[in-house]
Amino acid sequence: MLGAFPNMRRTNAKARVMRNHRLAAYDADEYEGLQIKPQGIKANIAYYLLTAATKAWDDAVQLGENLAIASTATVIAPTDNRIW
């Protein structure tokens, strides 16, 4: 990684979005700046998936604190197993 673009400004809003995604990975009760609680990860998923998700978001937030965040992460909404 080469680092952040020199003219990129740090944005608190984007950092807050990343922290809220991390909170969802932990299925938190409270989120930053949100009045409606989003759907977090359910506790009945496989332990290794939950561990991987929380570590990935911990790493993403930590990197974002050290570098300017140019864009927020893209997340995929949960879907069912039906083929359309």
N, C-alpha and C. Protein backbone atom coordinates (compact mmCIF):
# COMPACT_ATOMS: atom_id res chain seq x y z
N MET A 1 0.84 -1.16 0.00
CA MET A 1 0.00 0.00 0.00
C MET A 1 0.89 1.23 0.00
N LEU A 2 0.56 2.17 -0.86
CA LEU A 2 1.37 3.37 -1.00
C LEU A 2 0.91 4.51 -0.11
N GLY A 3 -0.27 4.44 0.43
CA GLY A 3 -0.76 5.49 1.28
C GLY A 3 -1.86 6.29 0.61
N ALA A 4 -2.33 7.26 1.33
CA ALA A 4 -3.45 8.07 0.85
C ALA A 4 -3.01 9.08 -0.18
N PHE A 5 -3.91 9.45 -1.05
CA PHE A 5 -3.68 10.52 -2.01
C PHE A 5 -3.40 11.78 -1.21
N PRO A 6 -2.32 12.52 -1.51
CA PRO A 6 -1.92 13.65 -0.67
C PRO A 6 -3.00 14.72 -0.48
N ASN A 7 -3.84 14.94 -1.46
CA ASN A 7 -4.85 15.99 -1.35
C ASN A 7 -6.19 15.49 -0.81
N MET A 8 -6.26 14.22 -0.45
CA MET A 8 -7.51 13.65 0.05
C MET A 8 -7.74 14.14 1.48
N ARG A 9 -8.90 14.69 1.71
CA ARG A 9 -9.24 15.15 3.06
C ARG A 9 -9.87 14.00 3.83
N ARG A 10 -9.57 13.94 5.09
CA ARG A 10 -10.22 12.96 5.95
C ARG A 10 -11.66 13.41 6.16
N THR A 11 -12.58 12.47 6.04
CA THR A 11 -13.97 12.83 6.28
C THR A 11 -14.49 12.01 7.45
N ASN A 12 -14.99 12.70 8.43
CA ASN A 12 -15.52 12.04 9.61
C ASN A 12 -16.75 11.20 9.26
N ALA A 13 -17.55 11.67 8.29
CA ALA A 13 -18.75 10.93 7.91
C ALA A 13 -18.41 9.56 7.36
N LYS A 14 -17.42 9.48 6.49
CA LYS A 14 -17.04 8.19 5.91
C LYS A 14 -16.44 7.28 6.97
N ALA A 15 -15.66 7.84 7.87
CA ALA A 15 -15.09 7.03 8.95
C ALA A 15 -16.21 6.51 9.85
N ARG A 16 -17.24 7.32 10.08
CA ARG A 16 -18.37 6.88 10.90
C ARG A 16 -19.11 5.73 10.22
N VAL A 17 -19.27 5.79 8.90
CA VAL A 17 -19.91 4.69 8.16
C VAL A 17 -19.11 3.41 8.36
N MET A 18 -17.81 3.50 8.25
CA MET A 18 -16.97 2.30 8.43
C MET A 18 -17.09 1.77 9.86
N ARG A 19 -17.09 2.66 10.84
CA ARG A 19 -17.24 2.19 12.22
C ARG A 19 -18.60 1.56 12.44
N ASN A 20 -19.65 2.09 11.81
CA ASN A 20 -20.97 1.49 11.95
C ASN A 20 -21.04 0.12 11.29
N HIS A 21 -20.34 -0.07 10.17
CA HIS A 21 -20.27 -1.40 9.56
C HIS A 21 -19.59 -2.37 10.52
N ARG A 22 -18.53 -1.90 11.18
CA ARG A 22 -17.86 -2.76 12.16
C ARG A 22 -18.81 -3.09 13.30
N LEU A 23 -19.56 -2.12 13.78
CA LEU A 23 -20.52 -2.37 14.85
C LEU A 23 -21.56 -3.40 14.42
N ALA A 24 -21.97 -3.36 13.15
CA ALA A 24 -22.94 -4.34 12.65
C ALA A 24 -22.33 -5.74 12.65
N ALA A 25 -21.04 -5.85 12.37
CA ALA A 25 -20.38 -7.15 12.42
C ALA A 25 -20.41 -7.72 13.83
N TYR A 26 -20.40 -6.84 14.82
CA TYR A 26 -20.49 -7.27 16.22
C TYR A 26 -21.94 -7.31 16.71
N ASP A 27 -22.89 -7.02 15.83
CA ASP A 27 -24.31 -6.99 16.15
C ASP A 27 -24.58 -6.10 17.37
N ALA A 28 -24.04 -4.89 17.32
CA ALA A 28 -24.13 -3.93 18.42
C ALA A 28 -25.56 -3.45 18.63
N ASP A 29 -25.81 -2.93 19.81
CA ASP A 29 -27.12 -2.36 20.13
C ASP A 29 -27.21 -0.88 19.75
N GLU A 30 -26.07 -0.17 19.76
CA GLU A 30 -26.07 1.25 19.46
C GLU A 30 -25.07 1.54 18.34
N TYR A 31 -25.43 2.50 17.50
CA TYR A 31 -24.60 2.89 16.36
C TYR A 31 -24.38 4.40 16.42
N GLU A 32 -23.34 4.87 15.73
CA GLU A 32 -23.01 6.29 15.73
C GLU A 32 -23.91 7.06 14.77
N GLY A 33 -24.64 8.03 15.29
CA GLY A 33 -25.40 8.93 14.46
C GLY A 33 -26.60 8.33 13.75
N LEU A 34 -27.09 7.19 14.20
CA LEU A 34 -28.25 6.56 13.57
C LEU A 34 -29.39 6.48 14.55
N GLN A 35 -30.58 6.78 14.08
CA GLN A 35 -31.76 6.68 14.94
C GLN A 35 -32.44 5.32 14.83
N ILE A 36 -32.28 4.69 13.69
CA ILE A 36 -32.88 3.37 13.46
C ILE A 36 -31.75 2.34 13.45
N LYS A 37 -31.89 1.31 14.26
CA LYS A 37 -30.85 0.28 14.35
C LYS A 37 -30.83 -0.57 13.08
N PRO A 38 -29.67 -0.66 12.43
CA PRO A 38 -29.57 -1.52 11.26
C PRO A 38 -29.54 -3.00 11.65
N GLN A 39 -29.70 -3.86 10.68
CA GLN A 39 -29.63 -5.30 10.90
C GLN A 39 -28.17 -5.70 11.02
N GLY A 40 -27.79 -6.24 12.15
CA GLY A 40 -26.42 -6.71 12.33
C GLY A 40 -26.29 -8.17 11.95
N ILE A 41 -25.13 -8.71 12.14
CA ILE A 41 -24.90 -10.13 11.87
C ILE A 41 -25.60 -10.95 12.94
N LYS A 42 -26.28 -11.98 12.53
CA LYS A 42 -26.97 -12.85 13.48
C LYS A 42 -25.96 -13.76 14.17
N ALA A 43 -26.19 -14.01 15.44
CA ALA A 43 -25.28 -14.82 16.23
C ALA A 43 -25.29 -16.30 15.85
N ASN A 44 -26.25 -16.74 15.05
CA ASN A 44 -26.32 -18.17 14.73
C ASN A 44 -25.55 -18.54 13.46
N ILE A 45 -24.67 -17.65 12.98
CA ILE A 45 -23.84 -18.02 11.83
C ILE A 45 -22.63 -18.79 12.33
N ALA A 46 -21.94 -19.44 11.43
CA ALA A 46 -20.77 -20.23 11.80
C ALA A 46 -19.73 -19.33 12.48
N TYR A 47 -19.12 -19.85 13.52
CA TYR A 47 -18.16 -19.08 14.31
C TYR A 47 -17.02 -18.55 13.44
N TYR A 48 -16.51 -19.38 12.53
CA TYR A 48 -15.38 -18.94 11.71
C TYR A 48 -15.76 -17.78 10.79
N LEU A 49 -17.02 -17.73 10.35
CA LEU A 49 -17.47 -16.60 9.53
C LEU A 49 -17.60 -15.34 10.36
N LEU A 50 -18.15 -15.47 11.55
CA LEU A 50 -18.29 -14.33 12.44
C LEU A 50 -16.92 -13.78 12.82
N THR A 51 -15.99 -14.65 13.13
CA THR A 51 -14.64 -14.24 13.48
C THR A 51 -13.96 -13.52 12.31
N ALA A 52 -14.12 -14.06 11.11
CA ALA A 52 -13.53 -13.44 9.92
C ALA A 52 -14.16 -12.07 9.65
N ALA A 53 -15.47 -11.95 9.82
CA ALA A 53 -16.15 -10.68 9.57
C ALA A 53 -15.71 -9.61 10.56
N THR A 54 -15.66 -9.95 11.83
CA THR A 54 -15.27 -8.95 12.82
C THR A 54 -13.81 -8.54 12.64
N LYS A 55 -12.94 -9.49 12.32
CA LYS A 55 -11.54 -9.15 12.09
C LYS A 55 -11.39 -8.26 10.86
N ALA A 56 -12.12 -8.58 9.80
CA ALA A 56 -12.03 -7.77 8.58
C ALA A 56 -12.46 -6.33 8.85
N TRP A 57 -13.54 -6.14 9.61
CA TRP A 57 -13.99 -4.78 9.90
C TRP A 57 -13.08 -4.08 10.89
N ASP A 58 -12.51 -4.81 11.84
CA ASP A 58 -11.52 -4.21 12.74
C ASP A 58 -10.33 -3.69 11.94
N ASP A 59 -9.86 -4.51 11.01
CA ASP A 59 -8.72 -4.11 10.17
C ASP A 59 -9.07 -2.92 9.28
N ALA A 60 -10.27 -2.94 8.70
CA ALA A 60 -10.68 -1.85 7.80
C ALA A 60 -10.76 -0.52 8.56
N VAL A 61 -11.33 -0.54 9.75
CA VAL A 61 -11.44 0.69 10.53
C VAL A 61 -10.06 1.17 10.96
N GLN A 62 -9.20 0.25 11.35
CA GLN A 62 -7.85 0.63 11.76
C GLN A 62 -7.09 1.26 10.59
N LEU A 63 -7.18 0.66 9.42
CA LEU A 63 -6.53 1.24 8.25
C LEU A 63 -7.12 2.61 7.93
N GLY A 64 -8.42 2.74 8.05
CA GLY A 64 -9.08 4.01 7.78
C GLY A 64 -8.66 5.11 8.73
N GLU A 65 -8.31 4.74 9.96
CA GLU A 65 -7.84 5.73 10.92
C GLU A 65 -6.46 6.24 10.54
N ASN A 66 -5.68 5.41 9.89
CA ASN A 66 -4.32 5.77 9.51
C ASN A 66 -4.23 6.44 8.15
N LEU A 67 -5.19 6.18 7.30
CA LEU A 67 -5.20 6.72 5.94
C LEU A 67 -6.49 7.47 5.70
N ALA A 68 -6.47 8.40 4.80
CA ALA A 68 -7.71 9.08 4.44
C ALA A 68 -8.61 8.09 3.72
N ILE A 69 -9.86 8.06 4.06
CA ILE A 69 -10.79 7.13 3.43
C ILE A 69 -11.36 7.81 2.18
N ALA A 70 -11.04 7.25 1.02
CA ALA A 70 -11.50 7.84 -0.25
C ALA A 70 -12.93 7.44 -0.54
N SER A 71 -13.32 6.26 -0.13
CA SER A 71 -14.69 5.81 -0.34
C SER A 71 -15.02 4.80 0.73
N THR A 72 -16.29 4.57 0.92
CA THR A 72 -16.70 3.59 1.91
C THR A 72 -16.76 2.20 1.28
N ALA A 73 -16.85 1.22 2.12
CA ALA A 73 -16.90 -0.16 1.64
C ALA A 73 -18.24 -0.45 0.98
N THR A 74 -18.22 -1.38 0.08
CA THR A 74 -19.45 -1.86 -0.53
C THR A 74 -19.84 -3.14 0.19
N VAL A 75 -21.06 -3.19 0.63
CA VAL A 75 -21.55 -4.39 1.30
C VAL A 75 -22.71 -4.95 0.50
N ILE A 76 -22.88 -6.25 0.59
CA ILE A 76 -23.95 -6.93 -0.13
C ILE A 76 -25.02 -7.31 0.87
N ALA A 77 -26.24 -6.95 0.55
CA ALA A 77 -27.36 -7.26 1.42
C ALA A 77 -27.57 -8.77 1.47
N PRO A 78 -28.06 -9.28 2.60
CA PRO A 78 -28.35 -10.71 2.67
C PRO A 78 -29.46 -11.09 1.68
N THR A 79 -29.30 -12.23 1.10
CA THR A 79 -30.30 -12.72 0.16
C THR A 79 -30.66 -14.15 0.51
N ASP A 80 -31.71 -14.65 -0.06
CA ASP A 80 -32.07 -16.04 0.20
C ASP A 80 -31.40 -16.94 -0.84
N ASN A 81 -31.61 -18.22 -0.76
CA ASN A 81 -30.93 -19.18 -1.61
C ASN A 81 -31.65 -19.46 -2.94
N ARG A 82 -32.78 -18.83 -3.16
CA ARG A 82 -33.51 -19.08 -4.40
C ARG A 82 -32.78 -18.52 -5.60
N ILE A 83 -32.84 -19.21 -6.70
CA ILE A 83 -32.28 -18.72 -7.96
C ILE A 83 -33.40 -18.06 -8.73
N TRP A 84 -33.21 -16.84 -9.14
CA TRP A 84 -34.26 -16.10 -9.82
C TRP A 84 -34.23 -16.35 -11.27
